[in-house]
């Protein structure tokens, strides 16, 4: 959801993102699919707040991703059939920061 608010000090643009996926299959071979270790729900919440100067030369944004710090498997190594073990790769943790831009 994104809106724009014109103010006397510039344009303010908040942005909120949310996604939810249920029973996502990230398996590679039959055993990893049957074991369920690569199956799960995925939820992500992010936000951005941007200020743009009235002349549109400056833009400053504060942002955050994965604000709930939800951890879930996004992939891994398909070793269940071969070695009866599994390597997992998780999504990125909560991150936040500031971006600044100047346009000539």
N, C-alpha and C. Protein backbone atom coordinates (compact mmCIF):
# COMPACT_ATOMS: atom_id res chain seq x y z
N UNK A 1 0.84 -1.15 0.00
CA UNK A 1 0.00 0.00 0.00
C UNK A 1 0.90 1.23 0.00
N UNK A 2 0.68 2.15 -0.94
CA UNK A 2 1.51 3.33 -1.03
C UNK A 2 0.65 4.56 -1.27
N UNK A 3 0.98 5.62 -0.58
CA UNK A 3 0.31 6.90 -0.75
C UNK A 3 1.36 7.98 -0.94
N UNK A 4 0.95 9.11 -1.48
CA UNK A 4 1.81 10.27 -1.61
C UNK A 4 1.13 11.46 -0.96
N UNK A 5 1.88 12.18 -0.11
CA UNK A 5 1.35 13.39 0.52
C UNK A 5 2.22 14.57 0.14
N UNK A 6 1.62 15.52 -0.57
CA UNK A 6 2.30 16.77 -0.90
C UNK A 6 2.26 17.67 0.33
N UNK A 7 3.43 18.15 0.75
CA UNK A 7 3.50 19.08 1.88
C UNK A 7 4.34 20.28 1.47
N UNK A 8 4.41 21.28 2.33
CA UNK A 8 5.21 22.47 2.03
C UNK A 8 6.71 22.17 2.04
N UNK A 9 7.13 21.07 2.68
CA UNK A 9 8.55 20.70 2.74
C UNK A 9 8.92 19.61 1.75
N UNK A 10 7.97 19.17 0.94
CA UNK A 10 8.25 18.15 -0.06
C UNK A 10 7.21 17.05 -0.07
N UNK A 11 7.51 16.02 -0.83
CA UNK A 11 6.61 14.88 -0.98
C UNK A 11 6.97 13.79 0.03
N UNK A 12 5.99 13.31 0.76
CA UNK A 12 6.17 12.21 1.72
C UNK A 12 5.48 10.98 1.13
N UNK A 13 6.23 9.87 1.03
CA UNK A 13 5.69 8.65 0.44
C UNK A 13 5.93 7.46 1.38
N UNK A 14 4.90 7.03 2.12
CA UNK A 14 5.03 5.80 2.91
C UNK A 14 4.64 4.58 2.05
N UNK A 15 5.28 3.48 2.31
CA UNK A 15 4.99 2.23 1.59
C UNK A 15 5.03 1.08 2.58
N UNK A 16 4.00 0.27 2.58
CA UNK A 16 3.92 -0.90 3.44
C UNK A 16 3.71 -2.12 2.56
N UNK A 17 4.54 -3.16 2.74
CA UNK A 17 4.39 -4.39 1.98
C UNK A 17 4.21 -5.57 2.93
N UNK A 18 3.37 -6.51 2.53
CA UNK A 18 3.15 -7.72 3.32
C UNK A 18 2.86 -8.86 2.34
N UNK A 19 3.45 -10.00 2.59
CA UNK A 19 3.14 -11.18 1.78
C UNK A 19 3.05 -12.40 2.69
N UNK A 20 2.22 -13.32 2.29
CA UNK A 20 2.04 -14.57 3.03
C UNK A 20 1.85 -15.70 2.02
N UNK A 21 2.64 -16.73 2.17
CA UNK A 21 2.52 -17.92 1.34
C UNK A 21 2.44 -19.12 2.27
N UNK A 22 1.54 -20.03 1.97
CA UNK A 22 1.34 -21.18 2.84
C UNK A 22 1.81 -22.47 2.17
N UNK A 23 2.38 -23.35 2.97
CA UNK A 23 2.86 -24.67 2.55
C UNK A 23 3.71 -24.60 1.28
N UNK A 24 4.72 -23.76 1.31
CA UNK A 24 5.64 -23.61 0.19
C UNK A 24 6.57 -24.82 0.17
N UNK A 25 6.70 -25.43 -0.98
CA UNK A 25 7.58 -26.60 -1.14
C UNK A 25 8.92 -26.15 -1.72
N UNK A 26 9.99 -26.27 -0.96
CA UNK A 26 11.34 -25.96 -1.42
C UNK A 26 12.19 -27.22 -1.44
N UNK A 27 11.58 -28.36 -1.76
CA UNK A 27 12.30 -29.62 -1.74
C UNK A 27 12.92 -29.91 -3.11
N UNK A 28 13.87 -30.86 -3.12
CA UNK A 28 14.64 -31.14 -4.32
C UNK A 28 14.48 -32.58 -4.81
N UNK A 29 14.38 -33.50 -3.88
CA UNK A 29 14.25 -34.90 -4.24
C UNK A 29 13.05 -35.48 -3.49
N UNK A 30 12.69 -36.70 -3.80
CA UNK A 30 11.49 -37.29 -3.23
C UNK A 30 11.55 -37.36 -1.70
N UNK A 31 12.68 -37.76 -1.14
CA UNK A 31 12.77 -37.89 0.32
C UNK A 31 12.67 -36.55 1.03
N UNK A 32 13.26 -35.50 0.44
CA UNK A 32 13.17 -34.20 1.10
C UNK A 32 11.74 -33.67 1.05
N UNK A 33 11.00 -33.99 -0.01
CA UNK A 33 9.59 -33.60 -0.08
C UNK A 33 8.76 -34.37 0.93
N UNK A 34 9.01 -35.66 1.05
CA UNK A 34 8.24 -36.49 1.98
C UNK A 34 8.55 -36.17 3.43
N UNK A 35 9.80 -35.77 3.72
CA UNK A 35 10.18 -35.48 5.11
C UNK A 35 9.53 -34.21 5.63
N UNK A 36 9.20 -33.27 4.75
CA UNK A 36 8.56 -32.03 5.17
C UNK A 36 9.53 -30.97 5.68
N UNK A 37 10.84 -31.25 5.66
CA UNK A 37 11.80 -30.28 6.22
C UNK A 37 11.93 -29.03 5.36
N UNK A 38 11.52 -29.10 4.11
CA UNK A 38 11.58 -27.94 3.23
C UNK A 38 10.20 -27.33 2.98
N UNK A 39 9.22 -27.72 3.77
CA UNK A 39 7.86 -27.22 3.61
C UNK A 39 7.54 -26.28 4.76
N UNK A 40 6.89 -25.18 4.46
CA UNK A 40 6.49 -24.28 5.52
C UNK A 40 5.80 -23.05 4.99
N UNK A 41 5.29 -22.26 5.93
CA UNK A 41 4.66 -21.00 5.60
C UNK A 41 5.71 -19.90 5.55
N UNK A 42 5.45 -18.90 4.74
CA UNK A 42 6.37 -17.77 4.61
C UNK A 42 5.58 -16.48 4.73
N UNK A 43 6.03 -15.62 5.64
CA UNK A 43 5.39 -14.32 5.84
C UNK A 43 6.45 -13.25 5.89
N UNK A 44 6.19 -12.14 5.22
CA UNK A 44 7.18 -11.06 5.17
C UNK A 44 6.47 -9.71 5.28
N UNK A 45 7.04 -8.82 6.10
CA UNK A 45 6.51 -7.48 6.29
C UNK A 45 7.64 -6.48 6.08
N UNK A 46 7.39 -5.48 5.26
CA UNK A 46 8.40 -4.46 5.00
C UNK A 46 7.77 -3.08 4.98
N UNK A 47 8.60 -2.05 5.14
CA UNK A 47 8.10 -0.68 5.13
C UNK A 47 9.18 0.27 4.63
N UNK A 48 8.75 1.34 3.98
CA UNK A 48 9.63 2.40 3.50
C UNK A 48 8.93 3.73 3.75
N UNK A 49 9.72 4.75 4.09
CA UNK A 49 9.20 6.10 4.21
C UNK A 49 10.18 7.01 3.47
N UNK A 50 9.68 7.67 2.42
CA UNK A 50 10.54 8.47 1.55
C UNK A 50 10.12 9.94 1.60
N UNK A 51 11.12 10.80 1.71
CA UNK A 51 10.91 12.25 1.58
C UNK A 51 11.62 12.70 0.30
N UNK A 52 10.90 13.46 -0.52
CA UNK A 52 11.47 14.03 -1.74
C UNK A 52 11.34 15.54 -1.64
N UNK A 53 12.45 16.26 -1.85
CA UNK A 53 12.44 17.72 -1.73
C UNK A 53 11.50 18.35 -2.75
N UNK A 54 11.02 19.59 -2.48
CA UNK A 54 10.11 20.25 -3.42
C UNK A 54 10.70 20.39 -4.83
N UNK A 55 12.01 20.57 -4.94
CA UNK A 55 12.65 20.68 -6.25
C UNK A 55 12.93 19.32 -6.88
N UNK A 56 12.68 18.26 -6.13
CA UNK A 56 12.91 16.87 -6.53
C UNK A 56 14.39 16.58 -6.77
N UNK A 57 15.28 17.31 -6.10
CA UNK A 57 16.71 17.03 -6.21
C UNK A 57 17.16 16.05 -5.13
N UNK A 58 16.61 16.16 -3.95
CA UNK A 58 16.98 15.28 -2.83
C UNK A 58 15.89 14.25 -2.58
N UNK A 59 16.33 13.05 -2.23
CA UNK A 59 15.40 11.99 -1.82
C UNK A 59 16.07 11.21 -0.69
N UNK A 60 15.37 11.08 0.42
CA UNK A 60 15.87 10.32 1.57
C UNK A 60 14.81 9.29 1.96
N UNK A 61 15.27 8.05 2.12
CA UNK A 61 14.35 6.95 2.43
C UNK A 61 14.86 6.17 3.64
N UNK A 62 13.97 5.92 4.58
CA UNK A 62 14.24 4.99 5.68
C UNK A 62 13.44 3.73 5.36
N UNK A 63 14.07 2.55 5.54
CA UNK A 63 13.37 1.33 5.16
C UNK A 63 13.67 0.20 6.16
N UNK A 64 12.81 -0.78 6.15
CA UNK A 64 13.00 -2.01 6.92
C UNK A 64 12.41 -3.17 6.16
N UNK A 65 13.10 -4.31 6.17
CA UNK A 65 12.60 -5.52 5.52
C UNK A 65 12.54 -6.65 6.55
N UNK A 66 11.65 -7.57 6.33
CA UNK A 66 11.43 -8.69 7.26
C UNK A 66 11.31 -8.18 8.69
N UNK A 67 10.42 -7.21 8.88
CA UNK A 67 10.30 -6.53 10.18
C UNK A 67 9.91 -7.45 11.32
N UNK A 68 9.23 -8.54 11.03
CA UNK A 68 8.86 -9.50 12.07
C UNK A 68 9.98 -10.49 12.38
N UNK A 69 11.07 -10.40 11.62
CA UNK A 69 12.22 -11.30 11.74
C UNK A 69 11.81 -12.76 11.62
N UNK A 70 10.83 -13.01 10.76
CA UNK A 70 10.35 -14.37 10.48
C UNK A 70 11.43 -15.14 9.75
N UNK A 71 11.76 -16.33 10.23
CA UNK A 71 12.78 -17.16 9.58
C UNK A 71 12.10 -18.37 8.95
N UNK A 72 12.46 -18.65 7.69
CA UNK A 72 11.92 -19.82 7.01
C UNK A 72 12.92 -20.30 5.96
N UNK A 73 12.80 -21.55 5.60
CA UNK A 73 13.71 -22.17 4.64
C UNK A 73 13.35 -21.70 3.23
N UNK A 74 14.36 -21.25 2.48
CA UNK A 74 14.13 -20.84 1.09
C UNK A 74 14.85 -21.75 0.10
N UNK A 75 15.61 -22.70 0.60
CA UNK A 75 16.33 -23.62 -0.27
C UNK A 75 17.29 -24.46 0.54
N UNK A 76 18.18 -25.12 -0.14
CA UNK A 76 19.14 -25.96 0.56
C UNK A 76 19.85 -26.90 -0.39
N UNK A 77 20.43 -27.95 0.18
CA UNK A 77 21.18 -28.93 -0.58
C UNK A 77 20.41 -30.25 -0.58
N UNK A 78 20.15 -30.82 -1.76
CA UNK A 78 19.34 -32.04 -1.85
C UNK A 78 20.14 -33.29 -1.51
N UNK A 79 20.32 -33.55 -0.24
CA UNK A 79 21.12 -34.70 0.17
C UNK A 79 20.31 -35.77 0.91
N UNK A 80 19.02 -35.63 0.97
CA UNK A 80 18.21 -36.57 1.75
C UNK A 80 18.25 -37.96 1.14
N UNK A 81 18.04 -38.08 -0.17
CA UNK A 81 18.09 -39.40 -0.82
C UNK A 81 19.48 -40.00 -0.77
N UNK A 82 20.50 -39.17 -0.91
CA UNK A 82 21.88 -39.66 -1.01
C UNK A 82 22.51 -39.92 0.36
N UNK A 83 22.49 -38.92 1.23
CA UNK A 83 23.19 -39.03 2.52
C UNK A 83 22.28 -39.05 3.74
N UNK A 84 20.98 -39.01 3.52
CA UNK A 84 20.00 -38.97 4.60
C UNK A 84 20.21 -37.80 5.55
N UNK A 85 20.62 -36.70 5.00
CA UNK A 85 20.77 -35.45 5.76
C UNK A 85 20.37 -34.31 4.83
N UNK A 86 20.28 -33.10 5.37
CA UNK A 86 19.85 -31.98 4.55
C UNK A 86 20.58 -30.70 4.96
N UNK A 87 20.91 -29.91 3.97
CA UNK A 87 21.44 -28.58 4.21
C UNK A 87 20.33 -27.58 3.92
N UNK A 88 20.17 -26.60 4.79
CA UNK A 88 19.08 -25.64 4.62
C UNK A 88 19.65 -24.24 4.43
N UNK A 89 18.95 -23.44 3.62
CA UNK A 89 19.28 -22.03 3.47
C UNK A 89 18.05 -21.24 3.89
N UNK A 90 18.27 -20.27 4.78
CA UNK A 90 17.16 -19.47 5.31
C UNK A 90 17.09 -18.10 4.63
N UNK A 91 15.93 -17.47 4.73
CA UNK A 91 15.75 -16.12 4.20
C UNK A 91 16.61 -15.13 4.99
N UNK A 92 16.72 -13.92 4.48
CA UNK A 92 17.50 -12.89 5.17
C UNK A 92 16.82 -12.45 6.46
N UNK A 93 17.59 -12.10 7.48
CA UNK A 93 17.00 -11.63 8.74
C UNK A 93 16.45 -10.21 8.58
N UNK A 94 15.91 -9.68 9.67
CA UNK A 94 15.43 -8.30 9.68
C UNK A 94 16.58 -7.37 9.28
N UNK A 95 16.28 -6.44 8.38
CA UNK A 95 17.29 -5.46 7.96
C UNK A 95 16.62 -4.09 7.90
N UNK A 96 17.41 -3.06 8.13
CA UNK A 96 16.89 -1.70 8.04
C UNK A 96 18.04 -0.78 7.66
N UNK A 97 17.68 0.40 7.16
CA UNK A 97 18.70 1.33 6.74
C UNK A 97 18.13 2.63 6.23
N UNK A 98 19.03 3.46 5.71
CA UNK A 98 18.68 4.76 5.15
C UNK A 98 19.36 4.89 3.79
N UNK A 99 18.63 5.41 2.82
CA UNK A 99 19.17 5.68 1.50
C UNK A 99 19.05 7.18 1.25
N UNK A 100 20.03 7.77 0.60
CA UNK A 100 19.97 9.17 0.22
C UNK A 100 20.39 9.30 -1.25
N UNK A 101 19.72 10.17 -1.96
CA UNK A 101 20.03 10.39 -3.38
C UNK A 101 19.93 11.87 -3.72
N UNK A 102 20.81 12.31 -4.61
CA UNK A 102 20.79 13.68 -5.10
C UNK A 102 20.82 13.62 -6.62
N UNK A 103 19.95 14.38 -7.26
CA UNK A 103 19.87 14.42 -8.71
C UNK A 103 20.29 15.79 -9.20
N UNK A 104 21.25 15.83 -10.14
CA UNK A 104 21.70 17.11 -10.70
C UNK A 104 20.79 17.55 -11.78
